[in-house]
Full PDB file with SEQRES, HELIX, SHEET, SSBOND, CRYST1, ORIGX, SCALE, CONECT and MASTER records, all heavy atoms in Angstrom:
SEQRES   1 A   40  ALA HIS GLU LEU GLN VAL ALA GLU PHE VAL ILE SER TYR          
SEQRES   2 A   40  PRO MET LYS ASP GLY SER PRO PHE GLY ASN ALA MET LEU          
SEQRES   3 A   40  GLU ILE THR GLN LYS GLY LEU ASP PHE ILE LYS THR TYR          
SEQRES   4 A   40  VAL                                                          
HELIX    1 AA1 HIS A    2  VAL A    6  1                                   5    
HELIX    2 AA2 GLN A   30  TYR A   39  1                                  10    
SHEET    1 AA1 2 VAL A  10  PRO A  14  0                                        
SHEET    2 AA1 2 ALA A  24  ILE A  28 -1                                        
CRYST1    1.000    1.000    1.000  90.00  90.00  90.00 P 1           1          
ORIGX1      1.000000  0.000000  0.000000        0.00000                         
ORIGX2      0.000000  1.000000  0.000000        0.00000                         
ORIGX3      0.000000  0.000000  1.000000        0.00000                         
SCALE1      1.000000  0.000000  0.000000        0.00000                         
SCALE2      0.000000  1.000000  0.000000        0.00000                         
SCALE3      0.000000  0.000000  1.000000        0.00000                         
ATOM      1  N   ALA A   1       8.206  25.470  92.061  1.00  0.00           N  
ATOM      2  CA  ALA A   1       8.522  26.646  91.254  1.00  0.00           C  
ATOM      3  C   ALA A   1      10.016  26.678  90.929  1.00  0.00           C  
ATOM      4  O   ALA A   1      10.403  27.010  89.802  1.00  0.00           O  
ATOM      5  CB  ALA A   1       8.109  27.919  91.982  1.00  0.00           C  
ATOM      6  N   HIS A   2      10.830  26.317  91.906  1.00  0.00           N  
ATOM      7  CA  HIS A   2      12.283  26.270  91.665  1.00  0.00           C  
ATOM      8  C   HIS A   2      12.603  25.231  90.587  1.00  0.00           C  
ATOM      9  O   HIS A   2      13.415  25.479  89.691  1.00  0.00           O  
ATOM     10  CB  HIS A   2      13.035  25.968  92.956  1.00  0.00           C  
ATOM     11  CG  HIS A   2      14.506  25.855  92.762  1.00  0.00           C  
ATOM     12  ND1 HIS A   2      15.308  26.952  92.500  1.00  0.00           N  
ATOM     13  CD2 HIS A   2      15.320  24.778  92.735  1.00  0.00           C  
ATOM     14  CE1 HIS A   2      16.557  26.549  92.342  1.00  0.00           C  
ATOM     15  NE2 HIS A   2      16.586  25.229  92.479  1.00  0.00           N  
ATOM     16  N   GLU A   3      11.959  24.083  90.676  1.00  0.00           N  
ATOM     17  CA  GLU A   3      12.149  23.031  89.679  1.00  0.00           C  
ATOM     18  C   GLU A   3      11.782  23.534  88.275  1.00  0.00           C  
ATOM     19  O   GLU A   3      12.519  23.314  87.311  1.00  0.00           O  
ATOM     20  CB  GLU A   3      11.270  21.832  90.053  1.00  0.00           C  
ATOM     21  CG  GLU A   3      11.383  20.654  89.143  1.00  0.00           C  
ATOM     22  CD  GLU A   3      10.479  19.512  89.570  1.00  0.00           C  
ATOM     23  OE1 GLU A   3       9.985  19.491  90.720  1.00  0.00           O  
ATOM     24  OE2 GLU A   3      10.255  18.623  88.734  1.00  0.00           O  
ATOM     25  N   LEU A   4      10.665  24.242  88.176  1.00  0.00           N  
ATOM     26  CA  LEU A   4      10.240  24.779  86.877  1.00  0.00           C  
ATOM     27  C   LEU A   4      11.149  25.906  86.410  1.00  0.00           C  
ATOM     28  O   LEU A   4      11.382  26.073  85.210  1.00  0.00           O  
ATOM     29  CB  LEU A   4       8.790  25.263  86.956  1.00  0.00           C  
ATOM     30  CG  LEU A   4       7.747  24.182  87.196  1.00  0.00           C  
ATOM     31  CD1 LEU A   4       6.366  24.815  87.392  1.00  0.00           C  
ATOM     32  CD2 LEU A   4       7.724  23.176  86.049  1.00  0.00           C  
ATOM     33  N   GLN A   5      11.684  26.666  87.358  1.00  0.00           N  
ATOM     34  CA  GLN A   5      12.592  27.759  87.006  1.00  0.00           C  
ATOM     35  C   GLN A   5      13.910  27.206  86.455  1.00  0.00           C  
ATOM     36  O   GLN A   5      14.437  27.726  85.473  1.00  0.00           O  
ATOM     37  CB  GLN A   5      12.844  28.643  88.220  1.00  0.00           C  
ATOM     38  CG  GLN A   5      13.528  29.936  87.900  1.00  0.00           C  
ATOM     39  CD  GLN A   5      13.604  30.865  89.099  1.00  0.00           C  
ATOM     40  OE1 GLN A   5      13.265  30.499  90.219  1.00  0.00           O  
ATOM     41  NE2 GLN A   5      14.071  32.070  88.860  1.00  0.00           N  
ATOM     42  N   VAL A   6      14.417  26.146  87.054  1.00  0.00           N  
ATOM     43  CA  VAL A   6      15.649  25.509  86.578  1.00  0.00           C  
ATOM     44  C   VAL A   6      15.449  24.983  85.152  1.00  0.00           C  
ATOM     45  O   VAL A   6      16.352  25.071  84.320  1.00  0.00           O  
ATOM     46  CB  VAL A   6      16.094  24.382  87.540  1.00  0.00           C  
ATOM     47  CG1 VAL A   6      17.185  23.536  86.936  1.00  0.00           C  
ATOM     48  CG2 VAL A   6      16.553  24.981  88.862  1.00  0.00           C  
ATOM     49  N   ALA A   7      14.247  24.475  84.871  1.00  0.00           N  
ATOM     50  CA  ALA A   7      13.928  23.968  83.533  1.00  0.00           C  
ATOM     51  C   ALA A   7      13.599  25.102  82.549  1.00  0.00           C  
ATOM     52  O   ALA A   7      13.338  24.838  81.379  1.00  0.00           O  
ATOM     53  CB  ALA A   7      12.750  22.998  83.609  1.00  0.00           C  
ATOM     54  N   GLU A   8      13.607  26.340  83.053  1.00  0.00           N  
ATOM     55  CA  GLU A   8      13.300  27.543  82.265  1.00  0.00           C  
ATOM     56  C   GLU A   8      11.850  27.567  81.772  1.00  0.00           C  
ATOM     57  O   GLU A   8      11.536  28.161  80.752  1.00  0.00           O  
ATOM     58  CB  GLU A   8      14.272  27.706  81.098  1.00  0.00           C  
ATOM     59  CG  GLU A   8      15.711  27.859  81.545  1.00  0.00           C  
ATOM     60  CD  GLU A   8      16.697  27.986  80.398  1.00  0.00           C  
ATOM     61  OE1 GLU A   8      16.305  27.803  79.229  1.00  0.00           O  
ATOM     62  OE2 GLU A   8      17.873  28.263  80.679  1.00  0.00           O  
ATOM     63  N   PHE A   9      10.937  26.951  82.550  1.00  0.00           N  
ATOM     64  CA  PHE A   9       9.518  26.960  82.223  1.00  0.00           C  
ATOM     65  C   PHE A   9       8.794  28.122  82.881  1.00  0.00           C  
ATOM     66  O   PHE A   9       7.701  28.486  82.482  1.00  0.00           O  
ATOM     67  CB  PHE A   9       8.842  25.655  82.651  1.00  0.00           C  
ATOM     68  CG  PHE A   9       9.284  24.444  81.865  1.00  0.00           C  
ATOM     69  CD1 PHE A   9       9.078  23.184  82.363  1.00  0.00           C  
ATOM     70  CD2 PHE A   9       9.897  24.562  80.625  1.00  0.00           C  
ATOM     71  CE1 PHE A   9       9.462  22.054  81.653  1.00  0.00           C  
ATOM     72  CE2 PHE A   9      10.298  23.443  79.910  1.00  0.00           C  
ATOM     73  CZ  PHE A   9      10.078  22.187  80.419  1.00  0.00           C  
ATOM     74  N   VAL A  10       9.392  28.706  83.925  1.00  0.00           N  
ATOM     75  CA  VAL A  10       8.809  29.868  84.600  1.00  0.00           C  
ATOM     76  C   VAL A  10       9.905  30.862  84.954  1.00  0.00           C  
ATOM     77  O   VAL A  10      11.079  30.521  85.060  1.00  0.00           O  
ATOM     78  CB  VAL A  10       8.039  29.500  85.894  1.00  0.00           C  
ATOM     79  CG1 VAL A  10       6.902  28.543  85.625  1.00  0.00           C  
ATOM     80  CG2 VAL A  10       8.946  28.980  86.963  1.00  0.00           C  
ATOM     81  N   ILE A  11       9.463  32.093  85.140  1.00  0.00           N  
ATOM     82  CA  ILE A  11      10.304  33.154  85.681  1.00  0.00           C  
ATOM     83  C   ILE A  11       9.709  33.489  87.044  1.00  0.00           C  
ATOM     84  O   ILE A  11       8.490  33.578  87.191  1.00  0.00           O  
ATOM     85  CB  ILE A  11      10.298  34.396  84.772  1.00  0.00           C  
ATOM     86  CG1 ILE A  11      10.846  34.045  83.389  1.00  0.00           C  
ATOM     87  CG2 ILE A  11      11.097  35.528  85.400  1.00  0.00           C  
ATOM     88  CD1 ILE A  11      10.637  35.140  82.367  1.00  0.00           C  
ATOM     89  N   SER A  12      10.563  33.670  88.031  1.00  0.00           N  
ATOM     90  CA  SER A  12      10.124  33.954  89.389  1.00  0.00           C  
ATOM     91  C   SER A  12      10.595  35.342  89.804  1.00  0.00           C  
ATOM     92  O   SER A  12      11.768  35.677  89.632  1.00  0.00           O  
ATOM     93  CB  SER A  12      10.701  32.899  90.336  1.00  0.00           C  
ATOM     94  OG  SER A  12      10.359  33.178  91.664  1.00  0.00           O  
ATOM     95  N   TYR A  13       9.670  36.127  90.344  1.00  0.00           N  
ATOM     96  CA  TYR A  13       9.976  37.467  90.844  1.00  0.00           C  
ATOM     97  C   TYR A  13       9.679  37.484  92.342  1.00  0.00           C  
ATOM     98  O   TYR A  13       8.520  37.291  92.735  1.00  0.00           O  
ATOM     99  CB  TYR A  13       9.115  38.522  90.147  1.00  0.00           C  
ATOM    100  CG  TYR A  13       9.213  38.504  88.647  1.00  0.00           C  
ATOM    101  CD1 TYR A  13       8.256  37.841  87.873  1.00  0.00           C  
ATOM    102  CD2 TYR A  13      10.258  39.145  87.988  1.00  0.00           C  
ATOM    103  CE1 TYR A  13       8.341  37.832  86.488  1.00  0.00           C  
ATOM    104  CE2 TYR A  13      10.346  39.138  86.604  1.00  0.00           C  
ATOM    105  CZ  TYR A  13       9.384  38.481  85.863  1.00  0.00           C  
ATOM    106  OH  TYR A  13       9.464  38.459  84.499  1.00  0.00           O  
ATOM    107  N   PRO A  14      10.691  37.687  93.188  1.00  0.00           N  
ATOM    108  CA  PRO A  14      10.453  37.721  94.638  1.00  0.00           C  
ATOM    109  C   PRO A  14       9.462  38.829  95.003  1.00  0.00           C  
ATOM    110  O   PRO A  14       9.450  39.895  94.385  1.00  0.00           O  
ATOM    111  CB  PRO A  14      11.827  38.022  95.228  1.00  0.00           C  
ATOM    112  CG  PRO A  14      12.805  37.721  94.152  1.00  0.00           C  
ATOM    113  CD  PRO A  14      12.092  37.921  92.855  1.00  0.00           C  
ATOM    114  N   MET A  15       8.620  38.540  95.996  1.00  0.00           N  
ATOM    115  CA  MET A  15       7.646  39.521  96.479  1.00  0.00           C  
ATOM    116  C   MET A  15       7.968  39.851  97.932  1.00  0.00           C  
ATOM    117  O   MET A  15       8.358  38.971  98.691  1.00  0.00           O  
ATOM    118  CB  MET A  15       6.225  38.950  96.390  1.00  0.00           C  
ATOM    119  CG  MET A  15       5.755  38.708  94.982  1.00  0.00           C  
ATOM    120  SD  MET A  15       4.148  37.865  94.916  1.00  0.00           S  
ATOM    121  CE  MET A  15       3.090  39.050  95.728  1.00  0.00           C  
ATOM    122  N   LYS A  16       7.790  41.103  98.284  1.00  0.00           N  
ATOM    123  CA  LYS A  16       7.985  41.531  99.672  1.00  0.00           C  
ATOM    124  C   LYS A  16       6.606  41.805 100.269  1.00  0.00           C  
ATOM    125  O   LYS A  16       6.189  42.939 100.396  1.00  0.00           O  
ATOM    126  CB  LYS A  16       8.857  42.777  99.726  1.00  0.00           C  
ATOM    127  CG  LYS A  16      10.259  42.530  99.243  1.00  0.00           C  
ATOM    128  CD  LYS A  16      11.114  43.775  99.319  1.00  0.00           C  
ATOM    129  CE  LYS A  16      12.509  43.462  98.823  1.00  0.00           C  
ATOM    130  NZ  LYS A  16      13.372  44.620  98.838  1.00  0.00           N  
ATOM    131  N   ASP A  17       5.902  40.716 100.600  1.00  0.00           N  
ATOM    132  CA  ASP A  17       4.552  40.865 101.128  1.00  0.00           C  
ATOM    133  C   ASP A  17       4.425  40.394 102.570  1.00  0.00           C  
ATOM    134  O   ASP A  17       3.333  40.316 103.105  1.00  0.00           O  
ATOM    135  CB  ASP A  17       3.548  40.126 100.245  1.00  0.00           C  
ATOM    136  CG  ASP A  17       3.766  38.627 100.198  1.00  0.00           C  
ATOM    137  OD1 ASP A  17       4.765  38.160 100.762  1.00  0.00           O  
ATOM    138  OD2 ASP A  17       2.936  37.934  99.600  1.00  0.00           O  
ATOM    139  N   GLY A  18       5.528  40.069 103.202  1.00  0.00           N  
ATOM    140  CA  GLY A  18       5.511  39.670 104.597  1.00  0.00           C  
ATOM    141  C   GLY A  18       5.090  38.228 104.845  1.00  0.00           C  
ATOM    142  O   GLY A  18       4.913  37.835 105.988  1.00  0.00           O  
ATOM    143  N   SER A  19       4.932  37.445 103.803  1.00  0.00           N  
ATOM    144  CA  SER A  19       4.536  36.051 104.017  1.00  0.00           C  
ATOM    145  C   SER A  19       5.714  35.272 104.598  1.00  0.00           C  
ATOM    146  O   SER A  19       6.865  35.527 104.258  1.00  0.00           O  
ATOM    147  CB  SER A  19       4.056  35.408 102.716  1.00  0.00           C  
ATOM    148  OG  SER A  19       5.111  35.310 101.798  1.00  0.00           O  
ATOM    149  N   PRO A  20       5.429  34.322 105.466  1.00  0.00           N  
ATOM    150  CA  PRO A  20       6.507  33.600 106.155  1.00  0.00           C  
ATOM    151  C   PRO A  20       7.264  32.605 105.272  1.00  0.00           C  
ATOM    152  O   PRO A  20       8.310  32.130 105.646  1.00  0.00           O  
ATOM    153  CB  PRO A  20       5.768  32.855 107.270  1.00  0.00           C  
ATOM    154  CG  PRO A  20       4.377  32.719 106.768  1.00  0.00           C  
ATOM    155  CD  PRO A  20       4.116  33.932 105.925  1.00  0.00           C  
ATOM    156  N   PHE A  21       6.755  32.322 104.075  1.00  0.00           N  
ATOM    157  CA  PHE A  21       7.382  31.295 103.240  1.00  0.00           C  
ATOM    158  C   PHE A  21       8.105  31.867 102.025  1.00  0.00           C  
ATOM    159  O   PHE A  21       8.536  31.123 101.160  1.00  0.00           O  
ATOM    160  CB  PHE A  21       6.334  30.270 102.773  1.00  0.00           C  
ATOM    161  CG  PHE A  21       5.143  30.888 102.095  1.00  0.00           C  
ATOM    162  CD1 PHE A  21       5.172  31.231 100.754  1.00  0.00           C  
ATOM    163  CD2 PHE A  21       3.994  31.142 102.806  1.00  0.00           C  
ATOM    164  CE1 PHE A  21       4.084  31.812 100.144  1.00  0.00           C  
ATOM    165  CE2 PHE A  21       2.894  31.712 102.197  1.00  0.00           C  
ATOM    166  CZ  PHE A  21       2.944  32.050 100.860  1.00  0.00           C  
ATOM    167  N   GLY A  22       8.264  33.172 101.918  1.00  0.00           N  
ATOM    168  CA  GLY A  22       8.986  33.755 100.792  1.00  0.00           C  
ATOM    169  C   GLY A  22       8.191  33.726  99.506  1.00  0.00           C  
ATOM    170  O   GLY A  22       8.559  33.052  98.557  1.00  0.00           O  
ATOM    171  N   ASN A  23       7.085  34.423  99.488  1.00  0.00           N  
ATOM    172  CA  ASN A  23       6.195  34.450  98.334  1.00  0.00           C  
ATOM    173  C   ASN A  23       6.922  34.957  97.091  1.00  0.00           C  
ATOM    174  O   ASN A  23       7.874  35.721  97.171  1.00  0.00           O  
ATOM    175  CB  ASN A  23       4.995  35.343  98.633  1.00  0.00           C  
ATOM    176  CG  ASN A  23       3.789  35.014  97.799  1.00  0.00           C  
ATOM    177  OD1 ASN A  23       3.786  34.053  97.030  1.00  0.00           O  
ATOM    178  ND2 ASN A  23       2.763  35.811  97.940  1.00  0.00           N  
ATOM    179  N   ALA A  24       6.473  34.519  95.930  1.00  0.00           N  
ATOM    180  CA  ALA A  24       7.051  34.957  94.663  1.00  0.00           C  
ATOM    181  C   ALA A  24       5.955  35.025  93.608  1.00  0.00           C  
ATOM    182  O   ALA A  24       4.978  34.272  93.656  1.00  0.00           O  
ATOM    183  CB  ALA A  24       8.139  33.992  94.204  1.00  0.00           C  
ATOM    184  N   MET A  25       6.103  35.943  92.668  1.00  0.00           N  
ATOM    185  CA  MET A  25       5.219  36.026  91.515  1.00  0.00           C  
ATOM    186  C   MET A  25       5.846  35.166  90.426  1.00  0.00           C  
ATOM    187  O   MET A  25       7.040  35.273  90.145  1.00  0.00           O  
ATOM    188  CB  MET A  25       5.090  37.481  91.041  1.00  0.00           C  
ATOM    189  CG  MET A  25       4.164  37.675  89.872  1.00  0.00           C  
ATOM    190  SD  MET A  25       2.447  37.258  90.193  1.00  0.00           S  
ATOM    191  CE  MET A  25       1.983  38.491  91.391  1.00  0.00           C  
ATOM    192  N   LEU A  26       5.038  34.303  89.831  1.00  0.00           N  
ATOM    193  CA  LEU A  26       5.519  33.404  88.790  1.00  0.00           C  
ATOM    194  C   LEU A  26       4.899  33.777  87.453  1.00  0.00           C  
ATOM    195  O   LEU A  26       3.737  34.172  87.383  1.00  0.00           O  
ATOM    196  CB  LEU A  26       5.153  31.954  89.120  1.00  0.00           C  
ATOM    197  CG  LEU A  26       5.632  31.416  90.458  1.00  0.00           C  
ATOM    198  CD1 LEU A  26       5.108  30.007  90.662  1.00  0.00           C  
ATOM    199  CD2 LEU A  26       7.141  31.453  90.541  1.00  0.00           C  
ATOM    200  N   GLU A  27       5.675  33.600  86.415  1.00  0.00           N  
ATOM    201  CA  GLU A  27       5.198  33.844  85.051  1.00  0.00           C  
ATOM    202  C   GLU A  27       5.674  32.686  84.175  1.00  0.00           C  
ATOM    203  O   GLU A  27       6.853  32.335  84.184  1.00  0.00           O  
ATOM    204  CB  GLU A  27       5.752  35.164  84.527  1.00  0.00           C  
ATOM    205  CG  GLU A  27       5.325  35.492  83.123  1.00  0.00           C  
ATOM    206  CD  GLU A  27       5.897  36.821  82.644  1.00  0.00           C  
ATOM    207  OE1 GLU A  27       6.601  37.509  83.422  1.00  0.00           O  
ATOM    208  OE2 GLU A  27       5.648  37.157  81.488  1.00  0.00           O  
ATOM    209  N   ILE A  28       4.762  32.091  83.422  1.00  0.00           N  
ATOM    210  CA  ILE A  28       5.141  30.991  82.542  1.00  0.00           C  
ATOM    211  C   ILE A  28       5.883  31.554  81.334  1.00  0.00           C  
ATOM    212  O   ILE A  28       5.569  32.649  80.851  1.00  0.00           O  
ATOM    213  CB  ILE A  28       3.902  30.158  82.123  1.00  0.00           C  
ATOM    214  CG1 ILE A  28       4.331  28.839  81.488  1.00  0.00           C  
ATOM    215  CG2 ILE A  28       2.968  30.958  81.241  1.00  0.00           C  
ATOM    216  CD1 ILE A  28       3.217  27.820  81.353  1.00  0.00           C  
ATOM    217  N   THR A  29       6.884  30.841  80.880  1.00  0.00           N  
ATOM    218  CA  THR A  29       7.660  31.267  79.715  1.00  0.00           C  
ATOM    219  C   THR A  29       7.144  30.579  78.455  1.00  0.00           C  
ATOM    220  O   THR A  29       6.354  29.628  78.535  1.00  0.00           O  
ATOM    221  CB  THR A  29       9.146  30.900  79.884  1.00  0.00           C  
ATOM    222  OG1 THR A  29       9.257  29.475  79.927  1.00  0.00           O  
ATOM    223  CG2 THR A  29       9.754  31.526  81.119  1.00  0.00           C  
ATOM    224  N   GLN A  30       7.613  31.029  77.318  1.00  0.00           N  
ATOM    225  CA  GLN A  30       7.237  30.373  76.061  1.00  0.00           C  
ATOM    226  C   GLN A  30       7.707  28.925  76.059  1.00  0.00           C  
ATOM    227  O   GLN A  30       7.011  28.038  75.554  1.00  0.00           O  
ATOM    228  CB  GLN A  30       7.816  31.132  74.857  1.00  0.00           C  
ATOM    229  CG  GLN A  30       7.322  30.599  73.527  1.00  0.00           C  
ATOM    230  CD  GLN A  30       5.806  30.702  73.386  1.00  0.00           C  
ATOM    231  OE1 GLN A  30       5.221  31.760  73.632  1.00  0.00           O  
ATOM    232  NE2 GLN A  30       5.156  29.616  73.001  1.00  0.00           N  
ATOM    233  N   LYS A  31       8.858  28.669  76.654  1.00  0.00           N  
ATOM    234  CA  LYS A  31       9.354  27.295  76.746  1.00  0.00           C  
ATOM    235  C   LYS A  31       8.395  26.426  77.566  1.00  0.00           C  
ATOM    236  O   LYS A  31       8.148  25.270  77.220  1.00  0.00           O  
ATOM    237  CB  LYS A  31      10.758  27.288  77.364  1.00  0.00           C  
ATOM    238  CG  LYS A  31      11.418  25.938  77.361  1.00  0.00           C  
ATOM    239  CD  LYS A  31      12.856  26.029  77.865  1.00  0.00           C  
ATOM    240  CE  LYS A  31      13.523  24.664  77.859  1.00  0.00           C  
ATOM    241  NZ  LYS A  31      14.915  24.737  78.321  1.00  0.00           N  
ATOM    242  N   GLY A  32       7.845  26.982  78.629  1.00  0.00           N  
ATOM    243  CA  GLY A  32       6.860  26.265  79.431  1.00  0.00           C  
ATOM    244  C   GLY A  32       5.584  26.004  78.655  1.00  0.00           C  
ATOM    245  O   GLY A  32       5.011  24.914  78.709  1.00  0.00           O  
ATOM    246  N   LEU A  33       5.130  26.998  77.913  1.00  0.00           N  
ATOM    247  CA  LEU A  33       3.930  26.836  77.081  1.00  0.00           C  
ATOM    248  C   LEU A  33       4.150  25.791  75.998  1.00  0.00           C  
ATOM    249  O   LEU A  33       3.271  24.961  75.728  1.00  0.00           O  
ATOM    250  CB  LEU A  33       3.537  28.175  76.452  1.00  0.00           C  
ATOM    251  CG  LEU A  33       3.027  29.247  77.418  1.00  0.00           C  
ATOM    252  CD1 LEU A  33       2.918  30.586  76.697  1.00  0.00           C  
ATOM    253  CD2 LEU A  33       1.707  28.834  78.037  1.00  0.00           C  
ATOM    254  N   ASP A  34       5.327  25.828  75.385  1.00  0.00           N  
ATOM    255  CA  ASP A  34       5.646  24.839  74.348  1.00  0.00           C  
ATOM    256  C   ASP A  34       5.691  23.429  74.932  1.00  0.00           C  
ATOM    257  O   ASP A  34       5.222  22.480  74.299  1.00  0.00           O  
ATOM    258  CB  ASP A  34       6.981  25.170  73.681  1.00  0.00           C  
ATOM    259  CG  ASP A  34       6.934  26.434  72.848  1.00  0.00           C  
ATOM    260  OD1 ASP A  34       5.818  26.906  72.505  1.00  0.00           O  
ATOM    261  OD2 ASP A  34       8.017  26.975  72.554  1.00  0.00           O  
ATOM    262  N   PHE A  35       6.237  23.305  76.139  1.00  0.00           N  
ATOM    263  CA  PHE A  35       6.291  22.001  76.787  1.00  0.00           C  
ATOM    264  C   PHE A  35       4.880  21.462  77.012  1.00  0.00           C  
ATOM    265  O   PHE A  35       4.599  20.296  76.729  1.00  0.00           O  
ATOM    266  CB  PHE A  35       7.040  22.090  78.121  1.00  0.00           C  
ATOM    267  CG  PHE A  35       7.096  20.790  78.856  1.00  0.00           C  
ATOM    268  CD1 PHE A  35       8.068  19.852  78.564  1.00  0.00           C  
ATOM    269  CD2 PHE A  35       6.166  20.491  79.850  1.00  0.00           C  
ATOM    270  CE1 PHE A  35       8.121  18.638  79.236  1.00  0.00           C  
ATOM    271  CE2 PHE A  35       6.211  19.287  80.527  1.00  0.00           C  
ATOM    272  CZ  PHE A  35       7.190  18.361  80.217  1.00  0.00           C  
ATOM    273  N   ILE A  36       4.006  22.306  77.523  1.00  0.00           N  
ATOM    274  CA  ILE A  36       2.627  21.878  77.765  1.00  0.00           C  
ATOM    275  C   ILE A  36       1.955  21.480  76.462  1.00  0.00           C  
ATOM    276  O   ILE A  36       1.281  20.445  76.386  1.00  0.00           O  
ATOM    277  CB  ILE A  36       1.826  22.983  78.471  1.00  0.00           C  
ATOM    278  CG1 ILE A  36       2.303  23.109  79.912  1.00  0.00           C  
ATOM    279  CG2 ILE A  36       0.336  22.694  78.427  1.00  0.00           C  
ATOM    280  CD1 ILE A  36       1.718  24.280  80.645  1.00  0.00           C  
ATOM    281  N   LYS A  37       2.135  22.276  75.440  1.00  0.00           N  
ATOM    282  CA  LYS A  37       1.507  21.987  74.146  1.00  0.00           C  
ATOM    283  C   LYS A  37       1.977  20.633  73.601  1.00  0.00           C  
ATOM    284  O   LYS A  37       1.197  19.861  73.066  1.00  0.00           O  
ATOM    285  CB  LYS A  37       1.833  23.099  73.155  1.00  0.00           C  
ATOM    286  CG  LYS A  37       1.156  22.955  71.825  1.00  0.00           C  
ATOM    287  CD  LYS A  37       1.478  24.146  70.935  1.00  0.00           C  
ATOM    288  CE  LYS A  37       0.829  23.981  69.571  1.00  0.00           C  
ATOM    289  NZ  LYS A  37       1.163  25.074  68.682  1.00  0.00           N  
ATOM    290  N   THR A  38       3.251  20.344  73.770  1.00  0.00           N  
ATOM    291  CA  THR A  38       3.827  19.104  73.249  1.00  0.00           C  
ATOM    292  C   THR A  38       3.499  17.898  74.121  1.00  0.00           C  
ATOM    293  O   THR A  38       3.227  16.816  73.607  1.00  0.00           O  
ATOM    294  CB  THR A  38       5.364  19.246  73.151  1.00  0.00           C  
ATOM    295  OG1 THR A  38       5.663  20.368  72.318  1.00  0.00           O  
ATOM    296  CG2 THR A  38       5.993  18.000  72.558  1.00  0.00           C  
ATOM    297  N   TYR A  39       3.488  18.077  75.437  1.00  0.00           N  
ATOM    298  CA  TYR A  39       3.388  16.944  76.348  1.00  0.00           C  
ATOM    299  C   TYR A  39       2.139  16.951  77.225  1.00  0.00           C  
ATOM    300  O   TYR A  39       2.122  16.283  78.249  1.00  0.00           O  
ATOM    301  CB  TYR A  39       4.628  16.890  77.244  1.00  0.00           C  
ATOM    302  CG  TYR A  39       5.889  16.687  76.461  1.00  0.00           C  
ATOM    303  CD1 TYR A  39       6.761  17.746  76.235  1.00  0.00           C  
ATOM    304  CD2 TYR A  39       6.199  15.442  75.931  1.00  0.00           C  
ATOM    305  CE1 TYR A  39       7.917  17.565  75.499  1.00  0.00           C  
ATOM    306  CE2 TYR A  39       7.358  15.257  75.191  1.00  0.00           C  
ATOM    307  CZ  TYR A  39       8.208  16.313  74.987  1.00  0.00           C  
ATOM    308  OH  TYR A  39       9.352  16.140  74.256  1.00  0.00           O  
ATOM    309  N   VAL A  40       1.103  17.657  76.841  1.00  0.00           N  
ATOM    310  CA  VAL A  40      -0.077  17.788  77.717  1.00  0.00           C  
ATOM    311  C   VAL A  40      -0.670  16.433  78.093  1.00  0.00           C  
ATOM    312  O   VAL A  40      -1.038  16.208  79.235  1.00  0.00           O  
ATOM    313  CB  VAL A  40      -1.131  18.747  77.119  1.00  0.00           C  
ATOM    314  CG1 VAL A  40      -1.810  18.131  75.901  1.00  0.00           C  
ATOM    315  CG2 VAL A  40      -2.157  19.114  78.168  1.00  0.00           C  
TER     316      VAL A  40                                                      
MASTER        0    0    0    2    2    0    0    6  315    1    0    4          
END                                                                             
């Protein structure tokens, strides 16, 4: 997710759900969708 966030393919929103690994909500960006469409 960090790799995709650096590439601006996703947006990450931290979640406070008590998970031991630092859960996050992810959302794909238009840039991510365009990448998939071009390089699927």
